[in-house]
Structure formats: C-alpha cells, structure tokens
Amino acid sequence: MKAIILAGGKGLRFGSVTKSIPKPMVMIGNKPMLWHILNLLSSNGIKDFIICVGYKGNIIKKYVSSIKENWNIQCVDTGLNTLTGKRIGLIKHMIKDQYFLMTYGDGLSDVNLKKLVNFHKTKKALATLTAVRPPSRFGVIKIHNDKVKVFKEKSSLGEGWINGGFFVINSNFLKFIKNDSTFLERDPLEKISKKGKLFAYKHSGFWQCMDTVRDKEILENKIKNSKWLKKIF
C-alpha cells in the first residue's frame, strides 16, 4: 500500500520557527516530525511514500535524499498556496493500487493501520478517516445555580470526535477530486459523506497534532515520559 503525506502548508501558527523550515521538518527529539511519520507508517508495513511538498519543499527534498532507511519516497512539488484537494489531484495519476493511505505532515498516532484498513474494507467505504478525541487546551467545568458541579483539568472526555488524519482511501474516490483549488476536507469528503460512503474509525489511543510550539512541547513530553511511545517514535 502506498501512503501520501500532505506536507506543503506554511505552518503559520508556528510563528518564527517555520520562517526558515517547513513544519514537517520541525524537530521532535533528534528527528524531524516527517521522519517520525515515515517511521510510524513503515512500522505498519508501508514502505512506499509520496510526499506532496510546497512551502520550502526543497528542504524536505534535500532531507529525504539523505534518509538511509529502506523507504521508497517520491517528493512531488504541488505548489506553494495549493489547497489539500488540488495537492491530491496533482498526484492521483501516480496511484495505481485499489487502496492507499493519506495523512498530514503534522500528526502522530499509534493507530493500528492493519485494523484501520480491515475496517475500511469491511465497510466498503470510499474513504475512512481516523476519528480521535481532541486534546483539551482548557479545563472543563459544569455549573448549576452558580456552583461548580464538575471540575476537570484539561479533560477531553465528552468533547466529541475530530478528524485525526490517517485516512484509508479507495482509488474510486479520486474521481471526486477535481484538479482545482478546493479543500479535500470540504467538497470531496462532504459529497461522499452524503452518499454514505465516508466512515470513521474511532481511535481512543495516542494521537497528537503539532500545530503550534505548545503542541510540539506536549508531543515531546508525551514521548519522553512513555517508554512505550519511545519505542515507536
């Protein structure tokens, strides 16, 4: 199975950090975020990658050329200001298999990809996303008659599910992606959702995005303080 990694965004919420490097090249420990994503996918048996680059893509290309692992990686320049839908549209001619995996260049998870793929096939989905609980940035309180009845510091319980990336996609879904400026997460996925062909694989284990410097610190601390996560990342 081939994996597509969307790694072309500008990472504006990272501030000065991404003025010199693209977000997937931000260091987590002693390796760039991109390496951790590749390693995670490789540990699940995926060795064939297409990286859609854009902002400072030459830095990603240079880094990929130095990787010693036995991975087949193609970097494709999909433009500086290109939206996610068009990035997929520009490389869809390179996808020959019935199924492929797609994820973002700024998130890590311990989701079991074999179970995810089996779930996708069982549901006969056009696309399956990994649904995760959002990490809460604030404490949660419930108030009744001015009294705090529930106080939970940074609890993610009851906050619903969000798109955590790590999609499995049927190649037939590609016909819904036009080669124009569109968000993958809007028009194409909304269309198949209305057709009942978009499914969510609920994952309650480890997941962490890296949108900000604070997210980077949280991610590093999680890995540092978990012997199990250290083995993965």
Protein backbone atom coordinates (compact mmCIF):
# COMPACT_ATOMS: atom_id res chain seq x y z
CA MET A 1 0.00 0.00 0.00
CA LYS A 2 1.19 3.49 -0.88
CA ALA A 3 1.00 6.37 1.60
CA ILE A 4 0.53 10.01 0.65
CA ILE A 5 1.73 12.65 3.10
CA LEU A 6 0.48 16.22 2.70
CA ALA A 7 3.45 18.38 3.65
CA GLY A 8 3.05 21.59 1.68
CA GLY A 9 1.50 24.04 4.14
CA LYS A 10 3.18 27.12 5.58
CA GLY A 11 2.67 26.30 9.26
CA LEU A 12 1.78 29.90 10.09
CA ARG A 13 0.74 29.13 13.67
CA PHE A 14 4.32 28.11 14.44
CA GLY A 15 5.45 31.72 14.23
CA SER A 16 9.14 32.34 13.65
CA VAL A 17 10.03 28.63 13.72
CA THR A 18 8.61 27.98 10.24
CA LYS A 19 10.13 31.07 8.67
CA SER A 20 13.21 29.00 7.89
CA ILE A 21 11.85 25.44 7.66
CA PRO A 22 8.55 23.77 6.72
CA LYS A 23 6.50 22.40 9.62
CA PRO A 24 7.19 18.69 8.88
CA MET A 25 10.90 19.46 9.42
CA VAL A 26 10.38 20.76 12.97
CA MET A 27 12.48 18.58 15.28
CA ILE A 28 10.82 16.19 17.71
CA GLY A 29 13.68 14.97 19.84
CA ASN A 30 16.58 14.44 17.44
CA LYS A 31 14.48 13.70 14.34
CA PRO A 32 12.16 15.83 12.18
CA MET A 33 8.42 15.29 12.51
CA LEU A 34 8.44 13.91 8.96
CA TRP A 35 10.83 11.12 9.92
CA HIS A 36 8.59 10.08 12.81
CA ILE A 37 5.60 9.88 10.47
CA LEU A 38 7.54 7.82 7.92
CA ASN A 39 8.85 5.54 10.66
CA LEU A 40 5.36 5.06 12.10
CA LEU A 41 3.96 4.07 8.71
CA SER A 42 6.96 1.87 7.99
CA SER A 43 6.45 0.01 11.28
CA ASN A 44 2.98 -0.86 9.96
CA GLY A 45 4.46 -2.34 6.79
CA ILE A 46 4.20 0.67 4.47
CA LYS A 47 7.43 1.45 2.61
CA ASP A 48 6.18 3.35 -0.46
CA PHE A 49 5.53 7.09 0.01
CA ILE A 50 4.54 10.16 -1.98
CA ILE A 51 5.20 13.43 -0.15
CA CYS A 52 3.26 16.41 -1.52
CA VAL A 53 5.53 19.38 -0.86
CA GLY A 54 5.03 23.10 -1.36
CA TYR A 55 6.31 25.66 1.14
CA LYS A 56 10.10 25.30 1.38
CA GLY A 57 9.77 21.95 -0.35
CA ASN A 58 13.45 21.98 -1.33
CA ILE A 59 14.35 21.48 2.34
CA ILE A 60 12.14 18.38 2.54
CA LYS A 61 13.55 17.05 -0.74
CA LYS A 62 17.11 17.51 0.48
CA TYR A 63 16.36 15.78 3.76
CA VAL A 64 14.60 12.86 2.06
CA SER A 65 17.63 12.31 -0.17
CA SER A 66 19.74 11.79 2.96
CA ILE A 67 17.47 9.19 4.60
CA LYS A 68 19.20 5.84 4.98
CA GLU A 69 16.15 3.71 5.73
CA ASN A 70 14.87 1.32 3.09
CA TRP A 71 11.94 3.50 2.06
CA ASN A 72 10.80 4.39 -1.43
CA ILE A 73 10.00 8.11 -1.25
CA GLN A 74 8.89 10.43 -4.04
CA CYS A 75 8.61 14.15 -3.36
CA VAL A 76 6.24 15.98 -5.67
CA ASP A 77 6.09 19.77 -5.81
CA THR A 78 2.36 20.55 -5.60
CA GLY A 79 2.64 24.32 -5.28
CA LEU A 80 3.08 26.98 -2.65
CA ASN A 81 -0.52 28.04 -1.94
CA THR A 82 -2.28 24.88 -3.13
CA LEU A 83 -5.21 23.55 -1.10
CA THR A 84 -5.34 19.92 0.02
CA GLY A 85 -7.77 18.77 -2.65
CA LYS A 86 -5.64 20.02 -5.52
CA ARG A 87 -2.48 18.51 -3.96
CA ILE A 88 -4.13 15.08 -4.16
CA GLY A 89 -5.45 15.85 -7.63
CA LEU A 90 -1.95 16.64 -8.91
CA ILE A 91 -0.59 13.22 -7.92
CA LYS A 92 -3.60 10.96 -8.44
CA HIS A 93 -2.14 9.67 -11.72
CA MET A 94 0.64 8.12 -9.61
CA ILE A 95 -1.79 5.96 -7.62
CA LYS A 96 -2.28 2.54 -9.22
CA ASP A 97 -3.49 0.40 -6.29
CA GLN A 98 -7.10 -0.03 -5.20
CA TYR A 99 -6.38 1.42 -1.77
CA PHE A 100 -3.94 3.98 -0.43
CA LEU A 101 -3.29 5.72 2.87
CA MET A 102 -3.25 9.50 3.24
CA THR A 103 -2.24 11.60 6.23
CA TYR A 104 -0.93 15.01 7.19
CA GLY A 105 2.66 16.05 7.87
CA ASP A 106 1.91 17.28 11.37
CA GLY A 107 0.29 14.45 13.34
CA LEU A 108 1.34 11.24 15.07
CA SER A 109 -0.73 8.36 16.37
CA ASP A 110 -0.39 4.75 17.46
CA VAL A 111 -3.45 3.75 15.44
CA ASN A 112 -3.27 0.14 14.23
CA LEU A 113 -3.21 0.57 10.46
CA LYS A 114 -3.99 -3.08 9.73
CA LYS A 115 -7.20 -2.83 11.75
CA LEU A 116 -7.95 0.51 10.09
CA VAL A 117 -7.58 -1.00 6.61
CA ASN A 118 -9.70 -4.03 7.52
CA PHE A 119 -12.39 -1.73 8.90
CA HIS A 120 -12.33 0.27 5.66
CA LYS A 121 -12.70 -2.85 3.53
CA THR A 122 -15.46 -4.31 5.70
CA LYS A 123 -17.50 -1.11 5.42
CA LYS A 124 -16.90 -0.92 1.66
CA ALA A 125 -16.09 2.73 2.16
CA LEU A 126 -14.78 5.18 -0.40
CA ALA A 127 -12.80 6.83 2.39
CA THR A 128 -12.25 6.14 6.08
CA LEU A 129 -10.77 8.68 8.45
CA THR A 130 -9.31 8.06 11.88
CA ALA A 131 -11.53 9.80 14.42
CA VAL A 132 -9.81 10.92 17.62
CA ARG A 133 -10.68 12.82 20.77
CA PRO A 134 -9.42 16.42 20.65
CA PRO A 135 -6.83 17.18 23.33
CA SER A 136 -8.39 19.85 25.50
CA ARG A 137 -6.48 23.12 25.87
CA PHE A 138 -8.59 24.28 28.80
CA GLY A 139 -10.08 22.92 32.00
CA VAL A 140 -13.73 21.88 31.83
CA ILE A 141 -16.33 22.99 34.38
CA LYS A 142 -20.06 22.39 34.68
CA ILE A 143 -22.11 24.96 36.61
CA HIS A 144 -25.53 24.67 38.25
CA ASN A 145 -27.03 27.51 40.28
CA ASP A 146 -23.67 29.27 40.21
CA LYS A 147 -21.97 26.28 41.84
CA VAL A 148 -19.23 24.35 40.07
CA LYS A 149 -20.57 20.81 39.96
CA VAL A 150 -17.83 19.30 37.79
CA PHE A 151 -14.24 20.40 37.50
CA LYS A 152 -11.85 18.55 35.22
CA GLU A 153 -8.45 19.98 34.37
CA LYS A 154 -7.84 19.66 30.63
CA SER A 155 -10.17 16.72 30.15
CA SER A 156 -11.00 15.56 26.63
CA LEU A 157 -13.95 13.44 27.78
CA GLY A 158 -17.24 14.31 26.16
CA GLU A 159 -15.72 16.67 23.64
CA GLY A 160 -16.71 14.61 20.65
CA TRP A 161 -14.55 13.32 17.81
CA ILE A 162 -12.40 15.13 15.25
CA ASN A 163 -10.58 14.20 12.06
CA GLY A 164 -7.17 12.86 13.10
CA GLY A 165 -5.91 12.12 9.60
CA PHE A 166 -4.64 8.62 8.78
CA PHE A 167 -7.18 8.01 6.01
CA VAL A 168 -7.63 4.84 4.01
CA ILE A 169 -8.99 5.79 0.60
CA ASN A 170 -10.38 3.73 -2.25
CA SER A 171 -8.97 4.82 -5.59
CA ASN A 172 -12.55 5.28 -6.86
CA PHE A 173 -12.74 8.28 -4.53
CA LEU A 174 -10.26 10.12 -6.74
CA LYS A 175 -12.95 10.94 -9.30
CA PHE A 176 -14.49 13.24 -6.68
CA ILE A 177 -11.28 15.29 -6.56
CA LYS A 178 -11.11 17.88 -9.28
CA ASN A 179 -7.78 19.41 -10.21
CA ASP A 180 -8.76 22.81 -8.88
CA SER A 181 -8.44 24.90 -5.75
CA THR A 182 -10.51 23.03 -3.19
CA PHE A 183 -10.13 21.64 0.28
CA LEU A 184 -10.13 17.85 0.34
CA GLU A 185 -11.94 18.09 3.66
CA ARG A 186 -14.84 20.08 2.20
CA ASP A 187 -16.35 19.36 -1.19
CA PRO A 188 -14.99 15.84 -1.95
CA LEU A 189 -15.40 14.34 1.53
CA GLU A 190 -18.73 16.11 2.09
CA LYS A 191 -20.05 14.62 -1.15
CA ILE A 192 -19.23 11.04 -0.25
CA SER A 193 -20.49 11.62 3.29
CA LYS A 194 -23.90 12.46 1.85
CA LYS A 195 -23.70 9.24 -0.19
CA GLY A 196 -22.99 7.23 2.98
CA LYS A 197 -19.51 6.27 1.80
CA LEU A 198 -17.36 8.12 4.35
CA PHE A 199 -16.64 6.19 7.54
CA ALA A 200 -14.87 6.97 10.80
CA TYR A 201 -12.59 4.53 12.59
CA LYS A 202 -12.67 5.55 16.27
CA HIS A 203 -9.25 5.57 17.89
CA SER A 204 -9.01 6.23 21.62
CA GLY A 205 -5.27 5.68 21.93
CA PHE A 206 -2.37 8.05 21.40
CA TRP A 207 -2.81 10.92 18.95
CA GLN A 208 -1.17 14.33 18.91
CA CYS A 209 -1.18 17.08 16.32
CA MET A 210 1.61 19.65 16.02
CA ASP A 211 0.07 22.95 15.01
CA THR A 212 1.93 25.20 17.45
CA VAL A 213 5.11 25.37 19.52
CA ARG A 214 3.00 24.35 22.51
CA ASP A 215 1.82 21.24 20.65
CA LYS A 216 5.46 20.39 19.91
CA GLU A 217 6.30 20.60 23.61
CA ILE A 218 3.32 18.42 24.54
CA LEU A 219 4.28 15.84 21.94
CA GLU A 220 7.91 15.70 23.08
CA ASN A 221 6.86 15.33 26.72
CA LYS A 222 4.45 12.51 25.89
CA ILE A 223 7.15 10.60 24.04
CA LYS A 224 9.81 11.35 26.67
CA ASN A 225 7.61 10.16 29.56
CA SER A 226 6.36 6.98 27.92
CA LYS A 227 8.69 4.02 27.45
CA TRP A 228 6.19 2.52 25.05
CA LEU A 229 5.95 5.63 22.86
CA LYS A 230 9.76 5.89 22.85
CA LYS A 231 9.89 2.50 21.13
CA ILE A 232 7.55 3.72 18.39
CA PHE A 233 8.94 7.20 17.84
